[in-house]
């Protein structure tokens, strides 16, 4: 039987640590290698509303862009380092 959306969300929440905006900002200040990813489509986020240095990678393309098994031209090289702290909003 296929997992429900709720099941998938609950599994993700069990594995992923959520942080407040203030904590995310502190983590980005403390770790210069940390990466902030905005998963909304770039067209829906006005330039003035984007955090400094944010990587705009839509939610639909994020799994592919982070996949090290696909063609290099399709990947985002910033996601290659698996030890890098990534904050997604």
N, C-alpha and C. Protein backbone atom coordinates (compact mmCIF):
# COMPACT_ATOMS: atom_id res chain seq x y z
N UNK A 1 0.84 -1.19 0.00
CA UNK A 1 0.00 0.00 0.00
C UNK A 1 0.88 1.24 0.00
N UNK A 2 0.52 2.21 -0.79
CA UNK A 2 1.30 3.45 -0.89
C UNK A 2 1.14 4.27 0.39
N UNK A 3 2.20 4.99 0.71
CA UNK A 3 2.16 5.87 1.88
C UNK A 3 1.28 7.08 1.58
N UNK A 4 0.59 7.55 2.59
CA UNK A 4 -0.21 8.77 2.43
C UNK A 4 0.71 9.98 2.58
N UNK A 5 0.21 11.11 2.13
CA UNK A 5 0.96 12.36 2.27
C UNK A 5 1.28 12.61 3.75
N UNK A 6 0.31 12.38 4.61
CA UNK A 6 0.51 12.59 6.05
C UNK A 6 1.61 11.67 6.58
N UNK A 7 1.63 10.42 6.13
CA UNK A 7 2.67 9.49 6.55
C UNK A 7 4.05 10.00 6.15
N UNK A 8 4.17 10.48 4.90
CA UNK A 8 5.46 10.99 4.42
C UNK A 8 5.89 12.23 5.20
N UNK A 9 4.96 13.12 5.50
CA UNK A 9 5.28 14.32 6.26
C UNK A 9 5.74 13.95 7.66
N UNK A 10 5.04 13.01 8.30
CA UNK A 10 5.42 12.60 9.65
C UNK A 10 6.79 11.93 9.68
N UNK A 11 7.11 11.14 8.66
CA UNK A 11 8.43 10.52 8.57
C UNK A 11 9.51 11.59 8.40
N UNK A 12 9.24 12.57 7.56
CA UNK A 12 10.21 13.65 7.35
C UNK A 12 10.42 14.45 8.63
N UNK A 13 9.35 14.76 9.32
CA UNK A 13 9.47 15.52 10.57
C UNK A 13 10.28 14.78 11.61
N UNK A 14 10.22 13.46 11.59
CA UNK A 14 10.99 12.66 12.54
C UNK A 14 12.49 12.70 12.23
N UNK A 15 12.85 12.99 10.99
CA UNK A 15 14.25 12.99 10.56
C UNK A 15 14.86 14.38 10.46
N UNK A 16 14.04 15.40 10.24
CA UNK A 16 14.53 16.75 9.97
C UNK A 16 14.27 17.65 11.17
N UNK A 17 15.29 18.37 11.56
CA UNK A 17 15.17 19.30 12.68
C UNK A 17 14.68 20.64 12.16
N UNK A 18 13.56 21.11 12.69
CA UNK A 18 13.06 22.42 12.33
C UNK A 18 13.73 23.50 13.16
N UNK A 19 13.90 24.66 12.57
CA UNK A 19 14.49 25.79 13.30
C UNK A 19 13.65 27.04 13.05
N UNK A 20 13.71 27.94 13.99
CA UNK A 20 13.01 29.22 13.85
C UNK A 20 13.79 30.12 12.89
N UNK A 21 13.16 31.16 12.38
CA UNK A 21 13.91 32.10 11.53
C UNK A 21 15.13 32.69 12.24
N UNK A 22 14.99 33.00 13.51
CA UNK A 22 16.13 33.56 14.25
C UNK A 22 17.26 32.55 14.38
N UNK A 23 16.91 31.29 14.64
CA UNK A 23 17.94 30.26 14.75
C UNK A 23 18.60 30.01 13.39
N UNK A 24 17.81 30.03 12.32
CA UNK A 24 18.38 29.87 10.98
C UNK A 24 19.37 30.99 10.68
N UNK A 25 18.99 32.20 11.01
CA UNK A 25 19.89 33.34 10.79
C UNK A 25 21.18 33.18 11.60
N UNK A 26 21.07 32.72 12.84
CA UNK A 26 22.25 32.52 13.68
C UNK A 26 23.14 31.42 13.10
N UNK A 27 22.54 30.34 12.63
CA UNK A 27 23.32 29.25 12.04
C UNK A 27 24.07 29.72 10.80
N UNK A 28 23.42 30.54 9.99
CA UNK A 28 24.07 31.07 8.79
C UNK A 28 25.22 32.00 9.15
N UNK A 29 25.07 32.75 10.23
CA UNK A 29 26.16 33.63 10.68
C UNK A 29 27.31 32.83 11.26
N UNK A 30 27.00 31.77 11.99
CA UNK A 30 28.02 30.96 12.66
C UNK A 30 28.78 30.05 11.70
N UNK A 31 28.15 29.65 10.62
CA UNK A 31 28.74 28.70 9.68
C UNK A 31 28.75 29.33 8.29
N UNK A 32 29.89 29.86 7.88
CA UNK A 32 29.99 30.55 6.60
C UNK A 32 29.77 29.61 5.40
N UNK A 33 29.87 28.30 5.62
CA UNK A 33 29.64 27.33 4.55
C UNK A 33 28.18 26.88 4.47
N UNK A 34 27.38 27.27 5.45
CA UNK A 34 25.97 26.88 5.46
C UNK A 34 25.27 27.48 4.24
N UNK A 35 24.25 26.77 3.79
CA UNK A 35 23.53 27.19 2.58
C UNK A 35 22.05 27.33 2.89
N UNK A 36 21.47 28.44 2.48
CA UNK A 36 20.04 28.68 2.63
C UNK A 36 19.39 28.47 1.27
N UNK A 37 18.38 27.60 1.24
CA UNK A 37 17.68 27.31 -0.01
C UNK A 37 16.22 27.74 0.13
N UNK A 38 15.76 28.53 -0.81
CA UNK A 38 14.36 28.93 -0.91
C UNK A 38 13.73 28.02 -1.95
N UNK A 39 12.70 27.25 -1.56
CA UNK A 39 12.12 26.27 -2.47
C UNK A 39 10.89 26.77 -3.22
N UNK A 40 10.46 27.98 -2.94
CA UNK A 40 9.37 28.53 -3.75
C UNK A 40 9.92 28.90 -5.12
N UNK A 41 9.08 28.89 -6.12
CA UNK A 41 9.52 29.28 -7.46
C UNK A 41 10.02 30.71 -7.43
N UNK A 42 11.14 30.95 -8.08
CA UNK A 42 11.79 32.26 -8.06
C UNK A 42 10.82 33.37 -8.48
N UNK A 43 9.96 33.07 -9.44
CA UNK A 43 9.01 34.08 -9.93
C UNK A 43 8.02 34.52 -8.85
N UNK A 44 7.82 33.68 -7.84
CA UNK A 44 6.83 34.01 -6.80
C UNK A 44 7.45 34.73 -5.61
N UNK A 45 8.77 34.92 -5.62
CA UNK A 45 9.45 35.60 -4.51
C UNK A 45 10.12 36.86 -5.05
N UNK A 46 9.56 38.02 -4.78
CA UNK A 46 10.18 39.25 -5.28
C UNK A 46 11.63 39.39 -4.78
N UNK A 47 12.45 39.96 -5.61
CA UNK A 47 13.88 40.12 -5.29
C UNK A 47 14.08 40.76 -3.91
N UNK A 48 13.30 41.76 -3.58
CA UNK A 48 13.47 42.46 -2.31
C UNK A 48 13.07 41.62 -1.10
N UNK A 49 12.35 40.52 -1.33
CA UNK A 49 11.93 39.64 -0.23
C UNK A 49 12.85 38.44 -0.02
N UNK A 50 13.91 38.36 -0.81
CA UNK A 50 14.83 37.22 -0.71
C UNK A 50 15.92 37.51 0.31
N UNK A 51 16.26 36.49 1.07
CA UNK A 51 17.35 36.61 2.04
C UNK A 51 18.67 36.77 1.29
N UNK A 52 19.60 37.50 1.85
CA UNK A 52 20.91 37.65 1.20
C UNK A 52 21.59 36.29 1.01
N UNK A 53 22.08 36.03 -0.19
CA UNK A 53 22.82 34.81 -0.45
C UNK A 53 21.97 33.56 -0.62
N UNK A 54 20.66 33.70 -0.64
CA UNK A 54 19.78 32.53 -0.75
C UNK A 54 19.94 31.88 -2.13
N UNK A 55 19.86 30.57 -2.15
CA UNK A 55 19.86 29.82 -3.40
C UNK A 55 18.40 29.52 -3.75
N UNK A 56 17.99 29.94 -4.91
CA UNK A 56 16.62 29.71 -5.35
C UNK A 56 16.59 28.38 -6.11
N UNK A 57 16.10 27.32 -5.44
CA UNK A 57 15.99 26.01 -6.06
C UNK A 57 14.58 25.50 -5.74
N UNK A 58 13.74 25.45 -6.74
CA UNK A 58 12.34 25.10 -6.50
C UNK A 58 12.22 23.70 -5.88
N UNK A 59 11.18 23.53 -5.09
CA UNK A 59 10.95 22.26 -4.40
C UNK A 59 10.89 21.10 -5.38
N UNK A 60 10.26 21.31 -6.52
CA UNK A 60 10.13 20.24 -7.50
C UNK A 60 11.46 19.80 -8.10
N UNK A 61 12.42 20.73 -8.19
CA UNK A 61 13.71 20.38 -8.79
C UNK A 61 14.79 20.05 -7.76
N UNK A 62 14.54 20.31 -6.50
CA UNK A 62 15.56 20.08 -5.47
C UNK A 62 16.08 18.64 -5.42
N UNK A 63 15.20 17.62 -5.44
CA UNK A 63 15.74 16.25 -5.39
C UNK A 63 16.69 15.94 -6.54
N UNK A 64 16.36 16.43 -7.73
CA UNK A 64 17.22 16.19 -8.88
C UNK A 64 18.53 16.98 -8.76
N UNK A 65 18.43 18.23 -8.37
CA UNK A 65 19.61 19.10 -8.29
C UNK A 65 20.61 18.60 -7.23
N UNK A 66 20.12 17.85 -6.25
CA UNK A 66 20.99 17.32 -5.18
C UNK A 66 21.45 15.90 -5.44
N UNK A 67 20.95 15.27 -6.49
CA UNK A 67 21.25 13.86 -6.77
C UNK A 67 22.64 13.72 -7.40
N UNK A 68 23.54 13.05 -6.72
CA UNK A 68 24.90 12.87 -7.21
C UNK A 68 25.01 11.77 -8.26
N UNK A 69 23.93 11.06 -8.52
CA UNK A 69 23.94 9.95 -9.46
C UNK A 69 23.49 10.35 -10.87
N UNK A 70 23.03 11.57 -11.04
CA UNK A 70 22.58 11.98 -12.37
C UNK A 70 23.68 12.79 -13.06
N UNK A 71 23.45 13.13 -14.31
CA UNK A 71 24.44 13.89 -15.09
C UNK A 71 24.83 15.18 -14.37
N UNK A 72 26.11 15.47 -14.39
CA UNK A 72 26.63 16.64 -13.67
C UNK A 72 25.98 17.94 -14.12
N UNK A 73 25.63 18.04 -15.39
CA UNK A 73 25.03 19.28 -15.90
C UNK A 73 23.65 19.55 -15.29
N UNK A 74 23.02 18.53 -14.71
CA UNK A 74 21.70 18.68 -14.10
C UNK A 74 21.77 18.97 -12.60
N UNK A 75 22.94 18.78 -12.01
CA UNK A 75 23.11 18.95 -10.56
C UNK A 75 23.45 20.39 -10.21
N UNK A 76 23.26 20.72 -8.95
CA UNK A 76 23.73 21.99 -8.42
C UNK A 76 24.99 21.69 -7.62
N UNK A 77 26.15 22.18 -8.07
CA UNK A 77 27.41 21.83 -7.41
C UNK A 77 27.47 22.27 -5.94
N UNK A 78 26.67 23.23 -5.57
CA UNK A 78 26.66 23.68 -4.17
C UNK A 78 26.10 22.61 -3.24
N UNK A 79 25.40 21.62 -3.80
CA UNK A 79 24.79 20.57 -2.99
C UNK A 79 25.61 19.29 -2.96
N UNK A 80 26.79 19.31 -3.55
CA UNK A 80 27.62 18.10 -3.63
C UNK A 80 28.23 17.71 -2.29
N UNK A 81 28.56 18.69 -1.46
CA UNK A 81 29.18 18.42 -0.16
C UNK A 81 28.11 18.01 0.84
N UNK A 82 28.05 16.72 1.14
CA UNK A 82 27.01 16.21 2.04
C UNK A 82 27.22 16.59 3.49
N UNK A 83 28.39 17.13 3.82
CA UNK A 83 28.62 17.58 5.19
C UNK A 83 28.20 19.03 5.39
N UNK A 84 27.84 19.69 4.31
CA UNK A 84 27.44 21.11 4.37
C UNK A 84 26.09 21.24 5.04
N UNK A 85 25.97 22.18 5.95
CA UNK A 85 24.69 22.46 6.59
C UNK A 85 23.76 23.16 5.58
N UNK A 86 22.55 22.65 5.44
CA UNK A 86 21.59 23.22 4.50
C UNK A 86 20.33 23.57 5.28
N UNK A 87 19.87 24.79 5.07
CA UNK A 87 18.63 25.26 5.68
C UNK A 87 17.65 25.54 4.53
N UNK A 88 16.50 24.91 4.60
CA UNK A 88 15.51 25.03 3.52
C UNK A 88 14.30 25.78 4.04
N UNK A 89 13.83 26.73 3.25
CA UNK A 89 12.64 27.47 3.61
C UNK A 89 11.64 27.43 2.47
